Amino acid sequence: MSHARVATALALLVLASSVRASQKPEPAPRAYVNPRTAKDTGQPPFSDAVRAGNTVYVSGKLGLVSGKPPAAPADEARLALDSLKKTLADAGLTMDDLVSVQVFCSDVSLFDTWNEVYRTYFTKEYPARAFIGSGPLLFGARFEVTGIAVKR
């Protein structure tokens, strides 16, 4: 190939790259699970989940009964995970679609209790996870769990 053809090919490559770099990406479409707005003054100021493109971001979930945690920490963990699972289902996803999970715990000595329950919610690989000692949680809860999911 001649030097002129190589130079022309390189020039076209540079031009194509600069055109792609100057194009603004389309914003990811959003969808909400149990959406709330600033007008919903009687509700907590957050939606249960937000889908942006293929990714679903789930708000923190507590395991409460009538506004209080149950006596047994394992029951509370189950309730929090059931709430996460329901929100994912409402978004058309499953627990196995989670890619990242954060668990906030007011007492890190409950790590094994959480893990015993948590294991039962998955049939495939576990998502990445953080188990964070948080100090006190709302309503006296021991656990709050949040996650990010992408449909498999």
N, C-alpha and C. Protein backbone atom coordinates (compact mmCIF):
# COMPACT_ATOMS: atom_id res chain seq x y z
N MET A 1 0.85 -1.18 0.00
CA MET A 1 0.00 0.00 0.00
C MET A 1 0.90 1.24 0.00
N SER A 2 0.55 2.23 -0.79
CA SER A 2 1.38 3.43 -0.90
C SER A 2 1.23 4.31 0.34
N HIS A 3 2.22 5.19 0.49
CA HIS A 3 2.18 6.11 1.64
C HIS A 3 0.95 7.01 1.58
N ALA A 4 0.53 7.39 0.41
CA ALA A 4 -0.65 8.26 0.25
C ALA A 4 -1.91 7.55 0.71
N ARG A 5 -2.03 6.28 0.37
CA ARG A 5 -3.22 5.52 0.80
C ARG A 5 -3.22 5.31 2.32
N VAL A 6 -2.05 5.03 2.88
CA VAL A 6 -1.95 4.86 4.34
C VAL A 6 -2.32 6.17 5.03
N ALA A 7 -1.81 7.29 4.52
CA ALA A 7 -2.12 8.59 5.11
C ALA A 7 -3.61 8.90 5.00
N THR A 8 -4.22 8.56 3.86
CA THR A 8 -5.66 8.78 3.68
C THR A 8 -6.46 7.91 4.65
N ALA A 9 -6.06 6.65 4.78
CA ALA A 9 -6.76 5.75 5.70
C ALA A 9 -6.66 6.25 7.13
N LEU A 10 -5.48 6.70 7.54
CA LEU A 10 -5.30 7.24 8.89
C LEU A 10 -6.14 8.49 9.09
N ALA A 11 -6.17 9.35 8.11
CA ALA A 11 -6.97 10.57 8.21
C ALA A 11 -8.45 10.25 8.38
N LEU A 12 -8.94 9.27 7.62
CA LEU A 12 -10.34 8.86 7.75
C LEU A 12 -10.63 8.27 9.13
N LEU A 13 -9.71 7.49 9.66
CA LEU A 13 -9.86 6.92 11.01
C LEU A 13 -9.94 8.01 12.06
N VAL A 14 -9.04 9.00 11.96
CA VAL A 14 -9.04 10.10 12.92
C VAL A 14 -10.35 10.88 12.81
N LEU A 15 -10.80 11.15 11.61
CA LEU A 15 -12.05 11.87 11.39
C LEU A 15 -13.23 11.10 11.99
N ALA A 16 -13.30 9.81 11.73
CA ALA A 16 -14.40 8.99 12.27
C ALA A 16 -14.37 8.98 13.79
N SER A 17 -13.19 8.90 14.37
CA SER A 17 -13.07 8.90 15.84
C SER A 17 -13.53 10.22 16.42
N SER A 18 -13.16 11.33 15.78
CA SER A 18 -13.55 12.63 16.32
C SER A 18 -15.05 12.86 16.19
N VAL A 19 -15.67 12.35 15.12
CA VAL A 19 -17.12 12.48 14.96
C VAL A 19 -17.83 11.72 16.08
N ARG A 20 -17.38 10.47 16.34
CA ARG A 20 -17.99 9.68 17.42
C ARG A 20 -17.81 10.35 18.77
N ALA A 21 -16.62 10.91 19.03
CA ALA A 21 -16.34 11.54 20.31
C ALA A 21 -17.18 12.79 20.51
N SER A 22 -17.55 13.50 19.42
CA SER A 22 -18.32 14.74 19.55
C SER A 22 -19.82 14.49 19.70
N GLN A 23 -20.28 13.30 19.41
CA GLN A 23 -21.71 13.00 19.53
C GLN A 23 -22.04 12.76 20.99
N LYS A 24 -23.10 13.42 21.46
CA LYS A 24 -23.53 13.24 22.84
C LYS A 24 -24.29 11.93 22.96
N PRO A 25 -23.98 11.13 24.00
CA PRO A 25 -24.74 9.89 24.17
C PRO A 25 -26.19 10.20 24.58
N GLU A 26 -27.08 9.35 24.15
CA GLU A 26 -28.48 9.48 24.54
C GLU A 26 -28.62 9.22 26.04
N PRO A 27 -29.39 10.03 26.77
CA PRO A 27 -29.59 9.74 28.19
C PRO A 27 -30.36 8.42 28.34
N ALA A 28 -30.00 7.67 29.37
CA ALA A 28 -30.68 6.40 29.62
C ALA A 28 -32.13 6.67 30.01
N PRO A 29 -33.08 5.96 29.41
CA PRO A 29 -34.47 6.14 29.81
C PRO A 29 -34.66 5.68 31.26
N ARG A 30 -35.57 6.31 31.95
CA ARG A 30 -35.81 5.96 33.35
C ARG A 30 -37.22 5.43 33.54
N ALA A 31 -37.34 4.48 34.46
CA ALA A 31 -38.63 3.97 34.88
C ALA A 31 -38.56 3.80 36.39
N TYR A 32 -39.69 3.95 37.05
CA TYR A 32 -39.72 3.94 38.51
C TYR A 32 -40.63 2.83 39.02
N VAL A 33 -40.22 2.22 40.13
CA VAL A 33 -41.05 1.26 40.85
C VAL A 33 -41.59 1.99 42.07
N ASN A 34 -42.92 2.02 42.19
CA ASN A 34 -43.59 2.76 43.26
C ASN A 34 -43.04 4.18 43.33
N PRO A 35 -43.21 4.94 42.24
CA PRO A 35 -42.63 6.28 42.18
C PRO A 35 -43.30 7.25 43.13
N ARG A 36 -42.50 8.15 43.64
CA ARG A 36 -43.02 9.24 44.47
C ARG A 36 -42.38 10.53 43.97
N THR A 37 -43.10 11.61 44.14
CA THR A 37 -42.60 12.92 43.71
C THR A 37 -42.69 13.89 44.88
N ALA A 38 -42.21 15.10 44.66
CA ALA A 38 -42.26 16.14 45.69
C ALA A 38 -43.70 16.46 46.10
N LYS A 39 -44.66 16.12 45.25
CA LYS A 39 -46.06 16.38 45.56
C LYS A 39 -46.64 15.36 46.54
N ASP A 40 -45.95 14.21 46.70
CA ASP A 40 -46.43 13.15 47.60
C ASP A 40 -45.96 13.43 49.02
N THR A 41 -46.53 14.45 49.64
CA THR A 41 -46.03 14.91 50.94
C THR A 41 -46.29 13.92 52.08
N GLY A 42 -47.26 13.04 51.94
CA GLY A 42 -47.56 12.08 53.00
C GLY A 42 -46.72 10.81 52.93
N GLN A 43 -45.82 10.71 51.97
CA GLN A 43 -45.01 9.51 51.76
C GLN A 43 -43.53 9.83 51.97
N PRO A 44 -42.73 8.82 52.29
CA PRO A 44 -41.28 9.07 52.36
C PRO A 44 -40.76 9.57 51.00
N PRO A 45 -39.75 10.43 50.99
CA PRO A 45 -39.30 11.07 49.75
C PRO A 45 -38.31 10.23 48.92
N PHE A 46 -38.76 9.07 48.50
CA PHE A 46 -37.95 8.22 47.61
C PHE A 46 -38.84 7.22 46.92
N SER A 47 -38.39 6.74 45.76
CA SER A 47 -39.08 5.67 45.04
C SER A 47 -38.46 4.35 45.45
N ASP A 48 -39.21 3.25 45.33
CA ASP A 48 -38.67 1.94 45.73
C ASP A 48 -37.48 1.53 44.88
N ALA A 49 -37.52 1.85 43.59
CA ALA A 49 -36.40 1.54 42.70
C ALA A 49 -36.49 2.43 41.48
N VAL A 50 -35.34 2.60 40.83
CA VAL A 50 -35.28 3.37 39.59
C VAL A 50 -34.48 2.55 38.58
N ARG A 51 -35.09 2.38 37.40
CA ARG A 51 -34.38 1.73 36.29
C ARG A 51 -33.83 2.85 35.41
N ALA A 52 -32.51 2.80 35.19
CA ALA A 52 -31.85 3.72 34.26
C ALA A 52 -31.15 2.84 33.23
N GLY A 53 -31.70 2.80 32.03
CA GLY A 53 -31.17 1.88 31.02
C GLY A 53 -31.45 0.45 31.44
N ASN A 54 -30.43 -0.36 31.52
CA ASN A 54 -30.58 -1.77 31.91
C ASN A 54 -30.34 -2.00 33.40
N THR A 55 -30.05 -0.94 34.13
CA THR A 55 -29.66 -1.07 35.54
C THR A 55 -30.80 -0.61 36.45
N VAL A 56 -31.05 -1.39 37.49
CA VAL A 56 -32.09 -1.05 38.48
C VAL A 56 -31.41 -0.80 39.82
N TYR A 57 -31.71 0.37 40.39
CA TYR A 57 -31.17 0.77 41.68
C TYR A 57 -32.29 0.68 42.70
N VAL A 58 -32.12 -0.17 43.72
CA VAL A 58 -33.18 -0.42 44.70
C VAL A 58 -32.88 0.35 45.98
N SER A 59 -33.88 1.06 46.48
CA SER A 59 -33.75 1.80 47.74
C SER A 59 -33.57 0.84 48.91
N GLY A 60 -33.10 1.38 50.02
CA GLY A 60 -32.88 0.59 51.22
C GLY A 60 -34.17 -0.06 51.72
N LYS A 61 -34.04 -1.32 52.14
CA LYS A 61 -35.17 -2.09 52.64
C LYS A 61 -34.91 -2.51 54.08
N LEU A 62 -35.93 -2.35 54.91
CA LEU A 62 -35.89 -2.78 56.31
C LEU A 62 -36.80 -3.99 56.47
N GLY A 63 -36.59 -4.75 57.52
CA GLY A 63 -37.44 -5.90 57.81
C GLY A 63 -38.31 -5.64 59.02
N LEU A 64 -39.40 -4.94 58.84
CA LEU A 64 -40.25 -4.52 59.95
C LEU A 64 -41.62 -5.18 59.89
N VAL A 65 -42.23 -5.29 61.07
CA VAL A 65 -43.62 -5.74 61.21
C VAL A 65 -44.33 -4.66 62.02
N SER A 66 -45.33 -4.05 61.42
CA SER A 66 -46.06 -2.94 62.07
C SER A 66 -45.10 -1.86 62.56
N GLY A 67 -44.08 -1.56 61.74
CA GLY A 67 -43.15 -0.48 62.06
C GLY A 67 -42.04 -0.82 63.02
N LYS A 68 -41.94 -2.11 63.42
CA LYS A 68 -40.90 -2.51 64.38
C LYS A 68 -40.21 -3.78 63.88
N PRO A 69 -38.94 -3.96 64.25
CA PRO A 69 -38.27 -5.21 63.87
C PRO A 69 -38.80 -6.37 64.71
N PRO A 70 -38.89 -7.57 64.14
CA PRO A 70 -39.30 -8.73 64.94
C PRO A 70 -38.23 -9.06 65.98
N ALA A 71 -38.59 -9.88 66.95
CA ALA A 71 -37.66 -10.23 68.03
C ALA A 71 -36.42 -10.96 67.52
N ALA A 72 -36.59 -11.86 66.57
CA ALA A 72 -35.48 -12.67 66.08
C ALA A 72 -34.76 -11.97 64.93
N PRO A 73 -33.45 -11.76 65.02
CA PRO A 73 -32.71 -11.13 63.93
C PRO A 73 -32.85 -11.87 62.59
N ALA A 74 -32.91 -13.19 62.61
CA ALA A 74 -33.06 -13.95 61.35
C ALA A 74 -34.39 -13.63 60.68
N ASP A 75 -35.45 -13.45 61.47
CA ASP A 75 -36.75 -13.08 60.90
C ASP A 75 -36.69 -11.69 60.27
N GLU A 76 -35.98 -10.79 60.93
CA GLU A 76 -35.83 -9.45 60.37
C GLU A 76 -35.05 -9.48 59.06
N ALA A 77 -33.98 -10.26 59.02
CA ALA A 77 -33.20 -10.40 57.78
C ALA A 77 -34.07 -10.93 56.66
N ARG A 78 -34.88 -11.93 56.96
CA ARG A 78 -35.78 -12.53 55.96
C ARG A 78 -36.78 -11.49 55.44
N LEU A 79 -37.34 -10.71 56.34
CA LEU A 79 -38.31 -9.68 55.92
C LEU A 79 -37.65 -8.61 55.04
N ALA A 80 -36.43 -8.20 55.38
CA ALA A 80 -35.72 -7.20 54.57
C ALA A 80 -35.42 -7.76 53.19
N LEU A 81 -34.97 -9.00 53.13
CA LEU A 81 -34.66 -9.62 51.84
C LEU A 81 -35.92 -9.90 51.03
N ASP A 82 -37.01 -10.25 51.71
CA ASP A 82 -38.29 -10.43 51.00
C ASP A 82 -38.74 -9.11 50.36
N SER A 83 -38.52 -8.00 51.07
CA SER A 83 -38.89 -6.70 50.54
C SER A 83 -38.03 -6.35 49.31
N LEU A 84 -36.73 -6.64 49.39
CA LEU A 84 -35.84 -6.43 48.25
C LEU A 84 -36.27 -7.29 47.07
N LYS A 85 -36.57 -8.55 47.35
CA LYS A 85 -37.00 -9.50 46.31
C LYS A 85 -38.29 -9.02 45.63
N LYS A 86 -39.24 -8.51 46.41
CA LYS A 86 -40.51 -8.03 45.86
C LYS A 86 -40.29 -6.81 44.95
N THR A 87 -39.46 -5.89 45.39
CA THR A 87 -39.19 -4.71 44.57
C THR A 87 -38.52 -5.12 43.26
N LEU A 88 -37.58 -6.05 43.33
CA LEU A 88 -36.94 -6.55 42.11
C LEU A 88 -37.98 -7.20 41.19
N ALA A 89 -38.88 -8.00 41.77
CA ALA A 89 -39.93 -8.65 40.96
C ALA A 89 -40.82 -7.60 40.30
N ASP A 90 -41.14 -6.53 41.04
CA ASP A 90 -41.96 -5.44 40.47
C ASP A 90 -41.24 -4.78 39.29
N ALA A 91 -39.91 -4.85 39.27
CA ALA A 91 -39.12 -4.30 38.17
C ALA A 91 -38.81 -5.35 37.10
N GLY A 92 -39.36 -6.57 37.27
CA GLY A 92 -39.15 -7.63 36.29
C GLY A 92 -37.83 -8.37 36.46
N LEU A 93 -37.27 -8.34 37.67
CA LEU A 93 -35.98 -8.97 37.94
C LEU A 93 -36.09 -9.97 39.09
N THR A 94 -35.01 -10.69 39.31
CA THR A 94 -34.94 -11.64 40.43
C THR A 94 -33.71 -11.31 41.28
N MET A 95 -33.59 -11.99 42.39
CA MET A 95 -32.42 -11.82 43.25
C MET A 95 -31.14 -12.19 42.50
N ASP A 96 -31.22 -13.13 41.59
CA ASP A 96 -30.04 -13.53 40.82
C ASP A 96 -29.60 -12.46 39.82
N ASP A 97 -30.41 -11.42 39.62
CA ASP A 97 -30.02 -10.32 38.74
C ASP A 97 -29.22 -9.25 39.50
N LEU A 98 -29.13 -9.36 40.82
CA LEU A 98 -28.35 -8.39 41.59
C LEU A 98 -26.88 -8.49 41.21
N VAL A 99 -26.23 -7.34 41.06
CA VAL A 99 -24.79 -7.31 40.81
C VAL A 99 -24.03 -6.72 41.99
N SER A 100 -24.73 -5.98 42.84
CA SER A 100 -24.10 -5.38 44.00
C SER A 100 -25.14 -5.22 45.11
N VAL A 101 -24.72 -5.52 46.33
CA VAL A 101 -25.60 -5.40 47.50
C VAL A 101 -24.82 -4.71 48.62
N GLN A 102 -25.51 -3.82 49.33
CA GLN A 102 -24.95 -3.23 50.54
C GLN A 102 -25.88 -3.55 51.69
N VAL A 103 -25.30 -4.05 52.76
CA VAL A 103 -26.05 -4.37 53.97
C VAL A 103 -25.52 -3.47 55.08
N PHE A 104 -26.40 -2.71 55.68
CA PHE A 104 -26.04 -1.89 56.83
C PHE A 104 -26.56 -2.61 58.07
N CYS A 105 -25.71 -2.76 59.06
CA CYS A 105 -26.09 -3.54 60.24
C CYS A 105 -25.69 -2.78 61.50
N SER A 106 -26.63 -2.65 62.41
CA SER A 106 -26.37 -1.92 63.65
C SER A 106 -25.53 -2.74 64.63
N ASP A 107 -25.37 -4.04 64.40
CA ASP A 107 -24.59 -4.91 65.29
C ASP A 107 -23.87 -5.95 64.43
N VAL A 108 -22.59 -5.72 64.16
CA VAL A 108 -21.86 -6.60 63.24
C VAL A 108 -21.69 -8.02 63.78
N SER A 109 -22.02 -8.25 65.04
CA SER A 109 -21.99 -9.63 65.54
C SER A 109 -23.08 -10.47 64.89
N LEU A 110 -24.01 -9.84 64.16
CA LEU A 110 -25.08 -10.55 63.46
C LEU A 110 -24.68 -10.95 62.04
N PHE A 111 -23.41 -10.81 61.70
CA PHE A 111 -22.89 -11.15 60.37
C PHE A 111 -23.25 -12.58 59.97
N ASP A 112 -23.02 -13.55 60.84
CA ASP A 112 -23.33 -14.95 60.52
C ASP A 112 -24.83 -15.19 60.39
N THR A 113 -25.62 -14.53 61.23
CA THR A 113 -27.07 -14.66 61.15
C THR A 113 -27.55 -14.15 59.79
N TRP A 114 -27.05 -12.97 59.39
CA TRP A 114 -27.42 -12.42 58.09
C TRP A 114 -27.05 -13.40 56.98
N ASN A 115 -25.81 -13.88 57.00
CA ASN A 115 -25.33 -14.75 55.92
C ASN A 115 -26.13 -16.04 55.82
N GLU A 116 -26.53 -16.59 56.94
CA GLU A 116 -27.32 -17.84 56.93
C GLU A 116 -28.62 -17.64 56.16
N VAL A 117 -29.28 -16.52 56.38
CA VAL A 117 -30.54 -16.22 55.68
C VAL A 117 -30.25 -15.81 54.23
N TYR A 118 -29.27 -14.95 54.05
CA TYR A 118 -28.94 -14.38 52.73
C TYR A 118 -28.67 -15.47 51.70
N ARG A 119 -27.95 -16.50 52.10
CA ARG A 119 -27.59 -17.59 51.17
C ARG A 119 -28.81 -18.24 50.51
N THR A 120 -29.93 -18.25 51.20
CA THR A 120 -31.12 -18.95 50.72
C THR A 120 -31.86 -18.18 49.62
N TYR A 121 -31.44 -16.96 49.32
CA TYR A 121 -32.14 -16.13 48.35
C TYR A 121 -31.55 -16.18 46.94
N PHE A 122 -30.53 -16.98 46.74
CA PHE A 122 -29.85 -17.01 45.44
C PHE A 122 -29.75 -18.43 44.92
N THR A 123 -29.82 -18.56 43.59
CA THR A 123 -29.64 -19.87 42.96
C THR A 123 -28.41 -19.88 42.05
N LYS A 124 -27.85 -18.70 41.81
CA LYS A 124 -26.67 -18.57 40.94
C LYS A 124 -25.54 -17.91 41.73
N GLU A 125 -24.61 -17.27 41.04
CA GLU A 125 -23.50 -16.61 41.71
C GLU A 125 -24.01 -15.49 42.61
N TYR A 126 -23.30 -15.29 43.72
CA TYR A 126 -23.65 -14.18 44.61
C TYR A 126 -23.18 -12.86 44.00
N PRO A 127 -23.92 -11.78 44.26
CA PRO A 127 -23.45 -10.46 43.81
C PRO A 127 -22.28 -9.98 44.68
N ALA A 128 -21.59 -8.95 44.20
CA ALA A 128 -20.62 -8.26 45.06
C ALA A 128 -21.39 -7.70 46.25
N ARG A 129 -20.72 -7.61 47.41
CA ARG A 129 -21.47 -7.18 48.59
C ARG A 129 -20.57 -6.49 49.60
N ALA A 130 -21.16 -5.55 50.32
CA ALA A 130 -20.52 -4.94 51.47
C ALA A 130 -21.44 -5.15 52.67
N PHE A 131 -20.86 -5.51 53.80
CA PHE A 131 -21.59 -5.63 55.06
C PHE A 131 -20.98 -4.56 55.97
N ILE A 132 -21.77 -3.53 56.25
CA ILE A 132 -21.25 -2.33 56.87
C ILE A 132 -21.83 -2.14 58.26
N GLY A 133 -20.96 -2.00 59.25
CA GLY A 133 -21.41 -1.65 60.60
C GLY A 133 -21.87 -0.20 60.58
N SER A 134 -23.12 0.02 60.93
CA SER A 134 -23.73 1.32 60.67
C SER A 134 -24.03 2.17 61.90
N GLY A 135 -24.05 1.59 63.07
CA GLY A 135 -24.62 2.32 64.19
C GLY A 135 -26.13 2.17 64.11
N PRO A 136 -26.87 2.98 64.87
CA PRO A 136 -28.33 2.82 64.89
C PRO A 136 -28.97 3.02 63.52
N LEU A 137 -30.00 2.21 63.25
CA LEU A 137 -30.79 2.33 62.02
C LEU A 137 -32.19 2.81 62.38
N LEU A 138 -32.92 3.28 61.38
CA LEU A 138 -34.28 3.76 61.59
C LEU A 138 -35.17 2.69 62.23
N PHE A 139 -36.06 3.13 63.09
CA PHE A 139 -37.09 2.29 63.71
C PHE A 139 -36.50 1.14 64.54
N GLY A 140 -35.23 1.26 64.93
CA GLY A 140 -34.60 0.22 65.73
C GLY A 140 -34.22 -1.02 64.93
N ALA A 141 -34.22 -0.90 63.60
CA ALA A 141 -33.87 -2.05 62.75
C ALA A 141 -32.42 -2.44 62.98
N ARG A 142 -32.15 -3.71 62.75
CA ARG A 142 -30.78 -4.23 62.82
C ARG A 142 -30.12 -4.25 61.45
N PHE A 143 -30.95 -4.38 60.39
CA PHE A 143 -30.45 -4.51 59.02
C PHE A 143 -31.18 -3.54 58.09
N GLU A 144 -30.43 -3.00 57.14
CA GLU A 144 -31.01 -2.32 55.98
C GLU A 144 -30.21 -2.80 54.77
N VAL A 145 -30.92 -3.19 53.72
CA VAL A 145 -30.25 -3.74 52.53
C VAL A 145 -30.69 -2.96 51.30
N THR A 146 -29.75 -2.70 50.42
CA THR A 146 -30.00 -2.03 49.16
C THR A 146 -29.21 -2.75 48.08
N GLY A 147 -29.63 -2.59 46.83
CA GLY A 147 -28.93 -3.31 45.78
C GLY A 147 -29.02 -2.64 44.42
N ILE A 148 -28.15 -3.11 43.53
CA ILE A 148 -28.14 -2.70 42.13
C ILE A 148 -28.25 -3.99 41.31
N ALA A 149 -29.16 -3.98 40.35
CA ALA A 149 -29.42 -5.19 39.55
C ALA A 149 -29.37 -4.88 38.07
N VAL A 150 -28.95 -5.87 37.29
CA VAL A 150 -28.95 -5.82 35.84
C VAL A 150 -29.49 -7.15 35.36
N LYS A 151 -30.53 -7.12 34.51
CA LYS A 151 -31.13 -8.36 34.00
C LYS A 151 -30.07 -9.23 33.33
N ARG A 152 -30.05 -10.52 33.70
CA ARG A 152 -29.10 -11.48 33.11
C ARG A 152 -29.46 -11.71 31.66
